[in-house]
Amino acid sequence: MISPEIKGRFPDLAVRFRQAKGLEIKRESGELEQFKKEVVDEIKNAYNIDTLKDDAKMRLYRDFFWKIGIDPTKIRPASEALIRRILQGKPLPKINTAVDSYNLASIKSGVPLAAFDLAHINGELSMRFAKEGEEFAGIGMKEPKVLKGNEIVIEDRTSLVAIYPYRDADKSKITTDTKGILLMSCGVPGVPGETLDEAAELGADYLEKFCK
C-alpha cells in the first residue's frame, strides 16, 4: 500500500512484486558467472559512460532522487550504479546466486530491484514518508541511519525493510539460508507499469534459473 501523502505528490509512482519460493541459494555458480560475462559484454555495447546519465530511463530515476532530496551523483539508483561499474571496467559484486541473479535483471532492465527474505517479513508491505529521527538499519551499516523525514521508506508490520528505492534493511537481506524471496520492482514517475512488470518477471526468471 502506498500512503496518500506519497500518492498526492507522486500520483503515478508504482511498484510491482513477485515471489520466488523453494530456492537453493549458493555462494556462487559457474553457470551464473558465465552468464554475467555475457551480460557485461551486452552492456558495454549498449551504453557509453559519458552519456549514461542522459539515458531516458536513468534520467527518470535521477530526477526522482533529486525531488526527494537525494543527490544521485552520490547515491545512485541501483541499476545505474551496476551499469556504471561495468562501463568503468570494475567487477560486479559477488554476494550469492540470488542477489547476483536479480542484480543482473536490474542491469538488463534498467529498473532497480529490491528483495526481501520472506521468512523475515511480517505482514504486508507499505510505503510512506519517513519520520524525522526514525532509525534505519541497512545492510552493511555499522550504526543505524537517522532519517531526516524526506526519505521514502518501505515497512512491514513491525519495522522498516527499505529506504526506497536504493537501500534494503539488514533484517530481511538475502543469504544462503533464504528459501523464499519477495522481489520488488521499484518504479518512479514516468516509468510505465509494463516496464516494472517486465523487470520483476525477469528477476523471478533468473532466480528460478540459477537458484532452483
N, C-alpha and C. Protein backbone atom coordinates (compact mmCIF):
# COMPACT_ATOMS: atom_id res chain seq x y z
N MET A 1 0.84 -1.20 0.00
CA MET A 1 0.00 0.00 0.00
C MET A 1 0.88 1.25 0.00
N ILE A 2 0.54 2.21 -0.83
CA ILE A 2 1.27 3.47 -0.91
C ILE A 2 0.46 4.54 -0.19
N SER A 3 1.11 5.27 0.69
CA SER A 3 0.40 6.25 1.53
C SER A 3 -0.23 7.35 0.68
N PRO A 4 -1.32 7.96 1.17
CA PRO A 4 -1.96 9.06 0.44
C PRO A 4 -1.00 10.24 0.23
N GLU A 5 -0.08 10.47 1.17
CA GLU A 5 0.87 11.58 1.04
C GLU A 5 1.78 11.37 -0.17
N ILE A 6 2.25 10.15 -0.35
CA ILE A 6 3.10 9.86 -1.50
C ILE A 6 2.29 9.90 -2.78
N LYS A 7 1.10 9.32 -2.76
CA LYS A 7 0.23 9.36 -3.94
C LYS A 7 -0.10 10.78 -4.34
N GLY A 8 -0.28 11.65 -3.33
CA GLY A 8 -0.59 13.04 -3.64
C GLY A 8 0.56 13.76 -4.32
N ARG A 9 1.77 13.43 -3.93
CA ARG A 9 2.93 14.09 -4.52
C ARG A 9 3.40 13.41 -5.80
N PHE A 10 3.31 12.08 -5.82
CA PHE A 10 3.76 11.30 -6.99
C PHE A 10 2.63 10.35 -7.41
N PRO A 11 1.59 10.88 -8.05
CA PRO A 11 0.40 10.06 -8.33
C PRO A 11 0.63 8.84 -9.21
N ASP A 12 1.65 8.88 -10.08
CA ASP A 12 1.88 7.73 -10.96
C ASP A 12 3.04 6.85 -10.51
N LEU A 13 3.50 7.02 -9.27
CA LEU A 13 4.54 6.13 -8.75
C LEU A 13 3.91 4.75 -8.49
N ALA A 14 4.60 3.70 -8.92
CA ALA A 14 4.07 2.34 -8.77
C ALA A 14 5.20 1.38 -8.49
N VAL A 15 4.86 0.24 -7.92
CA VAL A 15 5.81 -0.85 -7.71
C VAL A 15 5.14 -2.15 -8.16
N ARG A 16 5.95 -3.17 -8.35
CA ARG A 16 5.44 -4.49 -8.67
C ARG A 16 6.15 -5.52 -7.80
N PHE A 17 5.44 -6.58 -7.45
CA PHE A 17 6.02 -7.62 -6.61
C PHE A 17 5.93 -8.98 -7.30
N ARG A 18 6.92 -9.82 -7.04
CA ARG A 18 6.89 -11.22 -7.43
C ARG A 18 7.50 -12.03 -6.28
N GLN A 19 7.05 -13.26 -6.14
CA GLN A 19 7.61 -14.15 -5.13
C GLN A 19 8.35 -15.30 -5.80
N ALA A 20 9.40 -15.74 -5.14
CA ALA A 20 10.13 -16.92 -5.59
C ALA A 20 10.37 -17.79 -4.37
N LYS A 21 9.90 -19.03 -4.43
CA LYS A 21 10.00 -19.91 -3.26
C LYS A 21 10.71 -21.21 -3.63
N GLY A 22 11.08 -21.97 -2.60
CA GLY A 22 11.77 -23.23 -2.82
C GLY A 22 13.15 -23.06 -3.41
N LEU A 23 13.84 -22.00 -3.00
CA LEU A 23 15.14 -21.68 -3.58
C LEU A 23 16.27 -22.41 -2.87
N GLU A 24 17.32 -22.67 -3.62
CA GLU A 24 18.57 -23.18 -3.06
C GLU A 24 19.66 -22.19 -3.48
N ILE A 25 20.03 -21.34 -2.54
CA ILE A 25 20.95 -20.25 -2.83
C ILE A 25 22.37 -20.65 -2.41
N LYS A 26 23.30 -20.47 -3.33
CA LYS A 26 24.69 -20.83 -3.07
C LYS A 26 25.57 -19.58 -3.14
N ARG A 27 26.81 -19.76 -2.72
CA ARG A 27 27.74 -18.64 -2.78
C ARG A 27 28.02 -18.22 -4.21
N GLU A 28 28.18 -19.20 -5.09
CA GLU A 28 28.44 -18.88 -6.48
C GLU A 28 28.07 -20.05 -7.37
N SER A 29 28.03 -19.78 -8.65
CA SER A 29 27.66 -20.79 -9.64
C SER A 29 28.44 -20.53 -10.92
N GLY A 30 29.05 -21.56 -11.47
CA GLY A 30 29.79 -21.41 -12.71
C GLY A 30 28.89 -20.96 -13.85
N GLU A 31 27.70 -21.51 -13.90
CA GLU A 31 26.74 -21.14 -14.94
C GLU A 31 26.38 -19.66 -14.83
N LEU A 32 26.15 -19.21 -13.61
CA LEU A 32 25.80 -17.80 -13.40
C LEU A 32 26.97 -16.89 -13.75
N GLU A 33 28.19 -17.29 -13.40
CA GLU A 33 29.35 -16.46 -13.71
C GLU A 33 29.54 -16.33 -15.22
N GLN A 34 29.26 -17.38 -15.95
CA GLN A 34 29.34 -17.31 -17.40
C GLN A 34 28.29 -16.37 -17.97
N PHE A 35 27.09 -16.43 -17.39
CA PHE A 35 26.02 -15.54 -17.84
C PHE A 35 26.36 -14.08 -17.53
N LYS A 36 27.00 -13.84 -16.39
CA LYS A 36 27.44 -12.49 -16.06
C LYS A 36 28.32 -11.92 -17.17
N LYS A 37 29.23 -12.73 -17.66
CA LYS A 37 30.14 -12.27 -18.71
C LYS A 37 29.37 -11.86 -19.97
N GLU A 38 28.33 -12.62 -20.29
CA GLU A 38 27.51 -12.29 -21.45
C GLU A 38 26.79 -10.96 -21.25
N VAL A 39 26.26 -10.75 -20.04
CA VAL A 39 25.56 -9.51 -19.74
C VAL A 39 26.53 -8.33 -19.77
N VAL A 40 27.71 -8.51 -19.22
CA VAL A 40 28.73 -7.46 -19.23
C VAL A 40 29.04 -7.03 -20.66
N ASP A 41 29.24 -7.99 -21.55
CA ASP A 41 29.53 -7.67 -22.94
C ASP A 41 28.37 -6.93 -23.59
N GLU A 42 27.16 -7.36 -23.28
CA GLU A 42 25.97 -6.71 -23.83
C GLU A 42 25.86 -5.26 -23.38
N ILE A 43 26.12 -5.01 -22.10
CA ILE A 43 26.02 -3.66 -21.55
C ILE A 43 27.09 -2.75 -22.13
N LYS A 44 28.29 -3.27 -22.31
CA LYS A 44 29.37 -2.46 -22.88
C LYS A 44 29.04 -2.01 -24.29
N ASN A 45 28.27 -2.81 -24.98
CA ASN A 45 27.87 -2.46 -26.35
C ASN A 45 26.66 -1.55 -26.39
N ALA A 46 25.90 -1.52 -25.29
CA ALA A 46 24.64 -0.79 -25.28
C ALA A 46 24.75 0.62 -24.72
N TYR A 47 25.74 0.86 -23.85
CA TYR A 47 25.83 2.15 -23.16
C TYR A 47 27.23 2.74 -23.29
N ASN A 48 27.28 4.04 -23.08
CA ASN A 48 28.54 4.78 -23.02
C ASN A 48 28.57 5.51 -21.69
N ILE A 49 29.66 5.43 -20.96
CA ILE A 49 29.70 6.01 -19.62
C ILE A 49 29.51 7.52 -19.63
N ASP A 50 29.93 8.17 -20.70
CA ASP A 50 29.81 9.63 -20.77
C ASP A 50 28.37 10.09 -20.97
N THR A 51 27.53 9.23 -21.54
CA THR A 51 26.14 9.62 -21.81
C THR A 51 25.13 8.81 -21.00
N LEU A 52 25.62 7.95 -20.10
CA LEU A 52 24.72 7.09 -19.34
C LEU A 52 23.68 7.89 -18.56
N LYS A 53 24.11 8.98 -17.94
CA LYS A 53 23.20 9.77 -17.11
C LYS A 53 22.07 10.40 -17.92
N ASP A 54 22.26 10.50 -19.24
CA ASP A 54 21.25 11.10 -20.10
C ASP A 54 20.31 10.08 -20.74
N ASP A 55 20.55 8.79 -20.47
CA ASP A 55 19.60 7.77 -20.92
C ASP A 55 18.23 8.09 -20.34
N ALA A 56 17.18 7.92 -21.13
CA ALA A 56 15.84 8.35 -20.72
C ALA A 56 15.40 7.71 -19.40
N LYS A 57 15.63 6.42 -19.26
CA LYS A 57 15.19 5.73 -18.04
C LYS A 57 16.05 6.15 -16.84
N MET A 58 17.35 6.24 -17.04
CA MET A 58 18.23 6.67 -15.95
C MET A 58 17.85 8.07 -15.49
N ARG A 59 17.49 8.92 -16.43
CA ARG A 59 17.13 10.29 -16.10
C ARG A 59 15.88 10.35 -15.22
N LEU A 60 14.91 9.48 -15.48
CA LEU A 60 13.70 9.46 -14.66
C LEU A 60 14.01 9.14 -13.20
N TYR A 61 14.90 8.16 -12.99
CA TYR A 61 15.27 7.80 -11.62
C TYR A 61 16.09 8.91 -10.97
N ARG A 62 17.00 9.50 -11.72
CA ARG A 62 17.80 10.60 -11.18
C ARG A 62 16.91 11.79 -10.79
N ASP A 63 15.96 12.12 -11.65
CA ASP A 63 15.05 13.24 -11.36
C ASP A 63 14.24 12.97 -10.10
N PHE A 64 13.80 11.74 -9.92
CA PHE A 64 13.05 11.38 -8.72
C PHE A 64 13.91 11.53 -7.47
N PHE A 65 15.16 11.09 -7.56
CA PHE A 65 16.07 11.22 -6.42
C PHE A 65 16.20 12.69 -6.02
N TRP A 66 16.40 13.58 -7.01
CA TRP A 66 16.52 15.00 -6.69
C TRP A 66 15.26 15.50 -6.00
N LYS A 67 14.10 15.05 -6.45
CA LYS A 67 12.84 15.55 -5.89
C LYS A 67 12.64 15.15 -4.43
N ILE A 68 13.26 14.04 -4.01
CA ILE A 68 13.11 13.64 -2.61
C ILE A 68 14.37 13.95 -1.80
N GLY A 69 15.21 14.83 -2.35
CA GLY A 69 16.34 15.33 -1.59
C GLY A 69 17.56 14.43 -1.55
N ILE A 70 17.71 13.54 -2.54
CA ILE A 70 18.86 12.65 -2.60
C ILE A 70 19.69 13.03 -3.82
N ASP A 71 20.98 13.21 -3.63
CA ASP A 71 21.87 13.57 -4.72
C ASP A 71 22.26 12.29 -5.49
N PRO A 72 21.76 12.10 -6.71
CA PRO A 72 22.03 10.86 -7.45
C PRO A 72 23.45 10.76 -7.99
N THR A 73 24.26 11.79 -7.80
CA THR A 73 25.66 11.67 -8.16
C THR A 73 26.46 11.07 -7.01
N LYS A 74 25.84 11.00 -5.83
CA LYS A 74 26.49 10.41 -4.65
C LYS A 74 25.84 9.08 -4.27
N ILE A 75 24.52 9.04 -4.32
CA ILE A 75 23.77 7.80 -4.08
C ILE A 75 23.02 7.50 -5.37
N ARG A 76 23.48 6.53 -6.10
CA ARG A 76 22.92 6.28 -7.43
C ARG A 76 21.81 5.22 -7.37
N PRO A 77 20.82 5.32 -8.26
CA PRO A 77 19.88 4.22 -8.41
C PRO A 77 20.64 2.93 -8.70
N ALA A 78 20.17 1.81 -8.11
CA ALA A 78 20.93 0.56 -8.17
C ALA A 78 21.25 0.12 -9.59
N SER A 79 20.29 0.25 -10.48
CA SER A 79 20.52 -0.20 -11.86
C SER A 79 21.62 0.63 -12.51
N GLU A 80 21.58 1.94 -12.31
CA GLU A 80 22.62 2.80 -12.89
C GLU A 80 23.98 2.50 -12.27
N ALA A 81 24.01 2.32 -10.96
CA ALA A 81 25.28 2.05 -10.27
C ALA A 81 25.94 0.78 -10.80
N LEU A 82 25.13 -0.26 -11.03
CA LEU A 82 25.67 -1.52 -11.54
C LEU A 82 26.16 -1.38 -12.97
N ILE A 83 25.38 -0.70 -13.81
CA ILE A 83 25.80 -0.48 -15.19
C ILE A 83 27.07 0.36 -15.24
N ARG A 84 27.14 1.35 -14.38
CA ARG A 84 28.33 2.21 -14.33
C ARG A 84 29.57 1.41 -13.96
N ARG A 85 29.44 0.46 -13.04
CA ARG A 85 30.57 -0.39 -12.67
C ARG A 85 31.10 -1.15 -13.88
N ILE A 86 30.17 -1.68 -14.66
CA ILE A 86 30.57 -2.43 -15.86
C ILE A 86 31.33 -1.53 -16.82
N LEU A 87 30.80 -0.33 -17.07
CA LEU A 87 31.42 0.58 -18.02
C LEU A 87 32.77 1.11 -17.53
N GLN A 88 32.97 1.09 -16.22
CA GLN A 88 34.24 1.51 -15.65
C GLN A 88 35.25 0.36 -15.58
N GLY A 89 34.83 -0.82 -16.01
CA GLY A 89 35.72 -1.97 -16.01
C GLY A 89 35.88 -2.61 -14.64
N LYS A 90 34.98 -2.32 -13.73
CA LYS A 90 35.03 -2.90 -12.39
C LYS A 90 34.21 -4.19 -12.35
N PRO A 91 34.59 -5.15 -11.52
CA PRO A 91 33.81 -6.39 -11.42
C PRO A 91 32.48 -6.14 -10.73
N LEU A 92 31.47 -6.91 -11.12
CA LEU A 92 30.19 -6.83 -10.44
C LEU A 92 30.31 -7.45 -9.05
N PRO A 93 29.55 -6.95 -8.09
CA PRO A 93 29.57 -7.56 -6.75
C PRO A 93 29.21 -9.04 -6.82
N LYS A 94 29.88 -9.85 -6.01
CA LYS A 94 29.56 -11.27 -5.93
C LYS A 94 29.09 -11.54 -4.50
N ILE A 95 27.79 -11.65 -4.32
CA ILE A 95 27.20 -11.83 -2.99
C ILE A 95 26.76 -13.28 -2.79
N ASN A 96 25.81 -13.69 -3.57
CA ASN A 96 25.35 -15.08 -3.63
C ASN A 96 24.54 -15.22 -4.91
N THR A 97 24.12 -16.44 -5.22
CA THR A 97 23.49 -16.66 -6.53
C THR A 97 22.14 -15.94 -6.67
N ALA A 98 21.46 -15.67 -5.56
CA ALA A 98 20.19 -14.96 -5.64
C ALA A 98 20.40 -13.47 -5.87
N VAL A 99 21.21 -12.85 -5.03
CA VAL A 99 21.47 -11.41 -5.18
C VAL A 99 22.12 -11.13 -6.53
N ASP A 100 23.06 -11.96 -6.92
CA ASP A 100 23.72 -11.75 -8.21
C ASP A 100 22.73 -11.91 -9.37
N SER A 101 21.76 -12.80 -9.22
CA SER A 101 20.77 -13.03 -10.27
C SER A 101 19.87 -11.83 -10.46
N TYR A 102 19.29 -11.31 -9.36
CA TYR A 102 18.38 -10.19 -9.56
C TYR A 102 19.14 -8.89 -9.84
N ASN A 103 20.41 -8.81 -9.46
CA ASN A 103 21.21 -7.68 -9.91
C ASN A 103 21.35 -7.66 -11.43
N LEU A 104 21.52 -8.85 -12.02
CA LEU A 104 21.60 -8.93 -13.48
C LEU A 104 20.29 -8.51 -14.13
N ALA A 105 19.17 -8.86 -13.49
CA ALA A 105 17.87 -8.43 -14.01
C ALA A 105 17.72 -6.92 -13.93
N SER A 106 18.25 -6.33 -12.87
CA SER A 106 18.23 -4.88 -12.74
C SER A 106 19.08 -4.22 -13.82
N ILE A 107 20.23 -4.79 -14.08
CA ILE A 107 21.12 -4.27 -15.13
C ILE A 107 20.45 -4.37 -16.50
N LYS A 108 19.88 -5.52 -16.81
CA LYS A 108 19.28 -5.74 -18.13
C LYS A 108 18.05 -4.85 -18.35
N SER A 109 17.26 -4.66 -17.28
CA SER A 109 16.01 -3.91 -17.41
C SER A 109 16.18 -2.42 -17.19
N GLY A 110 17.25 -2.04 -16.47
CA GLY A 110 17.43 -0.64 -16.11
C GLY A 110 16.55 -0.20 -14.96
N VAL A 111 15.90 -1.16 -14.29
CA VAL A 111 14.98 -0.88 -13.18
C VAL A 111 15.59 -1.40 -11.88
N PRO A 112 15.70 -0.57 -10.84
CA PRO A 112 16.19 -1.06 -9.54
C PRO A 112 15.26 -2.13 -8.98
N LEU A 113 15.85 -3.21 -8.49
CA LEU A 113 15.08 -4.28 -7.86
C LEU A 113 15.52 -4.42 -6.41
N ALA A 114 14.56 -4.56 -5.53
CA ALA A 114 14.83 -4.84 -4.12
C ALA A 114 14.33 -6.25 -3.82
N ALA A 115 14.90 -6.88 -2.80
CA ALA A 115 14.49 -8.25 -2.48
C ALA A 115 14.52 -8.44 -0.97
N PHE A 116 13.55 -9.19 -0.48
CA PHE A 116 13.40 -9.41 0.96
C PHE A 116 13.20 -10.90 1.23
N ASP A 117 13.83 -11.37 2.29
CA ASP A 117 13.65 -12.76 2.72
C ASP A 117 12.25 -12.90 3.30
N LEU A 118 11.43 -13.72 2.68
CA LEU A 118 10.03 -13.87 3.11
C LEU A 118 9.92 -14.32 4.57
N ALA A 119 10.93 -15.06 5.05
CA ALA A 119 10.88 -15.54 6.43
C ALA A 119 11.05 -14.41 7.43
N HIS A 120 11.53 -13.26 6.97
CA HIS A 120 11.78 -12.15 7.88
C HIS A 120 10.93 -10.92 7.56
N ILE A 121 9.85 -11.14 6.83
CA ILE A 121 8.88 -10.09 6.55
C ILE A 121 7.62 -10.38 7.35
N ASN A 122 7.17 -9.38 8.11
CA ASN A 122 5.99 -9.55 8.96
C ASN A 122 4.80 -8.80 8.36
N GLY A 123 3.93 -9.53 7.68
CA GLY A 123 2.74 -8.91 7.11
C GLY A 123 3.01 -8.21 5.79
N GLU A 124 2.01 -7.50 5.29
CA GLU A 124 2.12 -6.81 4.02
C GLU A 124 3.02 -5.59 4.14
N LEU A 125 3.63 -5.23 3.02
CA LEU A 125 4.50 -4.06 2.99
C LEU A 125 3.70 -2.81 2.63
N SER A 126 4.15 -1.67 3.17
CA SER A 126 3.55 -0.40 2.82
C SER A 126 4.63 0.65 2.64
N MET A 127 4.30 1.70 1.93
CA MET A 127 5.24 2.77 1.60
C MET A 127 4.74 4.08 2.18
N ARG A 128 5.65 4.83 2.81
CA ARG A 128 5.30 6.12 3.39
C ARG A 128 6.54 7.00 3.45
N PHE A 129 6.34 8.26 3.80
CA PHE A 129 7.48 9.12 4.07
C PHE A 129 8.01 8.79 5.45
N ALA A 130 9.34 8.88 5.60
CA ALA A 130 9.96 8.61 6.89
C ALA A 130 9.57 9.69 7.89
N LYS A 131 9.69 9.33 9.17
CA LYS A 131 9.51 10.30 10.24
C LYS A 131 10.89 10.84 10.64
N GLU A 132 10.98 12.13 10.86
CA GLU A 132 12.25 12.72 11.25
C GLU A 132 12.77 12.06 12.53
N GLY A 133 14.02 11.62 12.50
CA GLY A 133 14.62 10.98 13.67
C GLY A 133 14.46 9.47 13.70
N GLU A 134 13.66 8.94 12.77
CA GLU A 134 13.48 7.49 12.68
C GLU A 134 14.79 6.83 12.29
N GLU A 135 15.03 5.63 12.80
CA GLU A 135 16.29 4.94 12.52
C GLU A 135 16.08 3.78 11.55
N PHE A 136 17.08 3.58 10.70
CA PHE A 136 17.04 2.51 9.71
C PHE A 136 18.35 1.74 9.73
N ALA A 137 18.27 0.43 9.93
CA ALA A 137 19.46 -0.43 9.95
C ALA A 137 19.59 -1.13 8.61
N GLY A 138 20.41 -0.57 7.74
CA GLY A 138 20.59 -1.11 6.40
C GLY A 138 21.69 -2.14 6.33
N ILE A 139 21.72 -2.87 5.23
CA ILE A 139 22.75 -3.88 5.00
C ILE A 139 24.13 -3.21 5.04
N GLY A 140 25.01 -3.78 5.83
CA GLY A 140 26.38 -3.30 5.89
C GLY A 140 26.61 -2.09 6.77
N MET A 141 25.56 -1.56 7.38
CA MET A 141 25.72 -0.39 8.24
C MET A 141 26.21 -0.80 9.63
N LYS A 142 27.23 -0.09 10.13
CA LYS A 142 27.72 -0.37 11.48
C LYS A 142 26.78 0.24 12.53
N GLU A 143 26.19 1.37 12.18
CA GLU A 143 25.23 2.03 13.06
C GLU A 143 23.98 2.38 12.25
N PRO A 144 22.81 2.38 12.89
CA PRO A 144 21.59 2.75 12.17
C PRO A 144 21.68 4.17 11.63
N LYS A 145 21.05 4.39 10.49
CA LYS A 145 20.98 5.72 9.88
C LYS A 145 19.79 6.46 10.46
N VAL A 146 20.01 7.69 10.90
CA VAL A 146 18.93 8.53 11.41
C VAL A 146 18.32 9.27 10.23
N LEU A 147 17.04 9.07 9.99
CA LEU A 147 16.39 9.62 8.80
C LEU A 147 15.94 11.06 9.03
N LYS A 148 15.94 11.83 7.93
CA LYS A 148 15.62 13.26 8.00
C LYS A 148 14.12 13.52 7.88
N GLY A 149 13.40 12.59 7.26
CA GLY A 149 11.97 12.77 7.08
C GLY A 149 11.57 12.99 5.64
N ASN A 150 12.55 13.27 4.77
CA ASN A 150 12.24 13.42 3.34
C ASN A 150 12.30 12.09 2.60
N GLU A 151 12.90 11.07 3.24
CA GLU A 151 13.06 9.77 2.58
C GLU A 151 11.71 9.05 2.45
N ILE A 152 11.64 8.20 1.44
CA ILE A 152 10.50 7.30 1.30
C ILE A 152 10.95 5.94 1.82
N VAL A 153 10.15 5.34 2.68
CA VAL A 153 10.54 4.06 3.29
C VAL A 153 9.48 3.00 3.02
N ILE A 154 9.94 1.75 3.08
CA ILE A 154 9.06 0.59 3.00
C ILE A 154 9.09 -0.08 4.37
N GLU A 155 7.92 -0.43 4.89
CA GLU A 155 7.86 -1.08 6.18
C GLU A 155 6.92 -2.27 6.15
N ASP A 156 7.20 -3.24 7.03
CA ASP A 156 6.24 -4.30 7.26
C ASP A 156 5.48 -3.94 8.53
N ARG A 157 4.87 -4.90 9.19
CA ARG A 157 4.04 -4.61 10.35
C ARG A 157 4.86 -4.15 11.56
N THR A 158 6.16 -4.47 11.57
CA THR A 158 6.95 -4.22 12.77
C THR A 158 8.14 -3.27 12.59
N SER A 159 8.67 -3.14 11.37
CA SER A 159 9.88 -2.32 11.21
C SER A 159 10.10 -1.95 9.75
N LEU A 160 11.09 -1.08 9.53
CA LEU A 160 11.45 -0.68 8.17
C LEU A 160 12.24 -1.78 7.48
N VAL A 161 11.95 -1.99 6.20
CA VAL A 161 12.69 -3.00 5.44
C VAL A 161 13.47 -2.39 4.27
N ALA A 162 13.25 -1.11 3.98
CA ALA A 162 14.00 -0.48 2.89
C ALA A 162 13.83 1.03 2.92
N ILE A 163 14.88 1.74 2.47
CA ILE A 163 14.73 3.13 2.04
C ILE A 163 14.54 3.06 0.53
N TYR A 164 13.43 3.56 0.07
CA TYR A 164 13.05 3.41 -1.33
C TYR A 164 13.73 4.47 -2.19
N PRO A 165 14.29 4.11 -3.33
CA PRO A 165 14.41 2.75 -3.87
C PRO A 165 15.87 2.29 -3.93
N TYR A 166 16.64 2.49 -2.85
CA TYR A 166 18.07 2.21 -3.02
C TYR A 166 18.75 1.48 -1.87
N ARG A 167 18.10 1.24 -0.74
CA ARG A 167 18.81 0.58 0.37
C ARG A 167 17.87 -0.38 1.09
N ASP A 168 18.27 -1.65 1.22
CA ASP A 168 17.46 -2.65 1.92
C ASP A 168 17.96 -2.83 3.35
N ALA A 169 17.06 -3.30 4.21
CA ALA A 169 17.38 -3.48 5.61
C ALA A 169 18.16 -4.77 5.84
N ASP A 170 18.98 -4.75 6.88
CA ASP A 170 19.77 -5.92 7.21
C ASP A 170 18.89 -7.09 7.64
N LYS A 171 17.79 -6.80 8.31
CA LYS A 171 16.98 -7.87 8.91
C LYS A 171 16.37 -8.80 7.87
N SER A 172 16.13 -8.31 6.68
CA SER A 172 15.47 -9.12 5.66
C SER A 172 16.35 -9.37 4.44
N LYS A 173 17.67 -9.22 4.60
CA LYS A 173 18.58 -9.41 3.48
C LYS A 173 18.59 -10.87 3.02
N ILE A 174 19.01 -11.07 1.80
CA ILE A 174 19.04 -12.40 1.19
C ILE A 174 20.37 -13.08 1.49
N THR A 175 20.32 -14.28 2.05
CA THR A 175 21.52 -15.04 2.38
C THR A 175 21.39 -16.45 1.79
N THR A 176 22.41 -17.25 2.01
CA THR A 176 22.36 -18.64 1.53
C THR A 176 21.36 -19.48 2.32
N ASP A 177 20.85 -18.95 3.42
CA ASP A 177 19.81 -19.65 4.19
C ASP A 177 18.41 -19.31 3.71
N THR A 178 18.30 -18.30 2.87
CA THR A 178 16.99 -17.86 2.38
C THR A 178 16.36 -18.92 1.48
N LYS A 179 15.08 -19.18 1.70
CA LYS A 179 14.34 -20.15 0.87
C LYS A 179 13.26 -19.49 0.02
N GLY A 180 12.81 -18.34 0.47
CA GLY A 180 11.77 -17.64 -0.28
C GLY A 180 12.06 -16.15 -0.34
N ILE A 181 11.81 -15.55 -1.50
CA ILE A 181 12.14 -14.14 -1.73
C ILE A 181 10.91 -13.38 -2.22
N LEU A 182 10.73 -12.18 -1.67
CA LEU A 182 9.78 -11.22 -2.21
C LEU A 182 10.58 -10.20 -2.99
N LEU A 183 10.36 -10.16 -4.29
CA LEU A 183 11.10 -9.28 -5.19
C LEU A 183 10.25 -8.06 -5.50
N MET A 184 10.84 -6.87 -5.38
CA MET A 184 10.11 -5.64 -5.65
C MET A 184 10.77 -4.88 -6.79
N SER A 185 9.99 -4.59 -7.81
CA SER A 185 10.41 -3.79 -8.94
C SER A 185 10.05 -2.34 -8.63
N CYS A 186 11.07 -1.48 -8.51
CA CYS A 186 10.90 -0.13 -7.98
C CYS A 186 10.65 0.89 -9.08
N GLY A 187 9.48 1.45 -9.10
CA GLY A 187 9.15 2.44 -10.11
C GLY A 187 9.30 3.86 -9.62
N VAL A 188 9.34 4.79 -10.54
CA VAL A 188 9.32 6.22 -10.27
C VAL A 188 8.40 6.85 -11.31
N PRO A 189 7.96 8.09 -11.08
CA PRO A 189 7.09 8.73 -12.07
C PRO A 189 7.69 8.70 -13.47
N GLY A 190 6.88 8.30 -14.43
CA GLY A 190 7.30 8.25 -15.82
C GLY A 190 7.68 6.87 -16.31
N VAL A 191 7.92 5.92 -15.39
CA VAL A 191 8.25 4.55 -15.78
C VAL A 191 6.95 3.75 -15.89
N PRO A 192 6.62 3.24 -17.07
CA PRO A 192 5.35 2.53 -17.25
C PRO A 192 5.26 1.26 -16.40
N GLY A 193 4.02 0.91 -16.02
CA GLY A 193 3.80 -0.31 -15.26
C GLY A 193 4.28 -1.54 -15.99
N GLU A 194 4.18 -1.54 -17.33
CA GLU A 194 4.63 -2.69 -18.11
C GLU A 194 6.13 -2.90 -17.95
N THR A 195 6.88 -1.81 -17.86
CA THR A 195 8.33 -1.90 -17.68
C THR A 195 8.64 -2.52 -16.32
N LEU A 196 7.88 -2.14 -15.30
CA LEU A 196 8.08 -2.70 -13.96
C LEU A 196 7.73 -4.18 -13.94
N ASP A 197 6.65 -4.54 -14.63
CA ASP A 197 6.26 -5.96 -14.72
C ASP A 197 7.36 -6.78 -15.38
N GLU A 198 7.88 -6.26 -16.47
CA GLU A 198 8.93 -6.98 -17.20
C GLU A 198 10.18 -7.17 -16.34
N ALA A 199 10.55 -6.13 -15.58
CA ALA A 199 11.73 -6.23 -14.72
C ALA A 199 11.52 -7.25 -13.61
N ALA A 200 10.32 -7.24 -13.01
CA ALA A 200 10.01 -8.19 -11.94
C ALA A 200 10.00 -9.62 -12.47
N GLU A 201 9.42 -9.81 -13.65
CA GLU A 201 9.38 -11.14 -14.25
C GLU A 201 10.79 -11.63 -14.58
N LEU A 202 11.61 -10.72 -15.08
CA LEU A 202 12.99 -11.09 -15.43
C LEU A 202 13.75 -11.52 -14.17
N GLY A 203 13.58 -10.76 -13.09
CA GLY A 203 14.23 -11.13 -11.83
C GLY A 203 13.77 -12.47 -11.33
N ALA A 204 12.46 -12.73 -11.40
CA ALA A 204 11.92 -14.01 -10.96
C ALA A 204 12.43 -15.16 -11.85
N ASP A 205 12.53 -14.90 -13.15
CA ASP A 205 13.04 -15.92 -14.07
C ASP A 205 14.49 -16.28 -13.75
N TYR A 206 15.31 -15.27 -13.47
CA TYR A 206 16.72 -15.52 -13.16
C TYR A 206 16.86 -16.27 -11.83
N LEU A 207 16.01 -15.95 -10.85
CA LEU A 207 16.04 -16.68 -9.59
C LEU A 207 15.65 -18.14 -9.83
N GLU A 208 14.67 -18.35 -10.66
CA GLU A 208 14.24 -19.72 -11.00
C GLU A 208 15.37 -20.47 -11.70
N LYS A 209 16.06 -19.79 -12.58
CA LYS A 209 17.10 -20.45 -13.38
C LYS A 209 18.34 -20.78 -12.56
N PHE A 210 18.77 -19.85 -11.71
CA PHE A 210 20.06 -20.01 -11.04
C PHE A 210 19.98 -20.41 -9.56
N CYS A 211 18.77 -20.48 -9.02
CA CYS A 211 18.64 -20.78 -7.58
C CYS A 211 17.66 -21.92 -7.30
N LYS A 212 17.35 -22.73 -8.27
CA LYS A 212 16.45 -23.86 -8.06
C LYS A 212 17.26 -25.14 -8.00
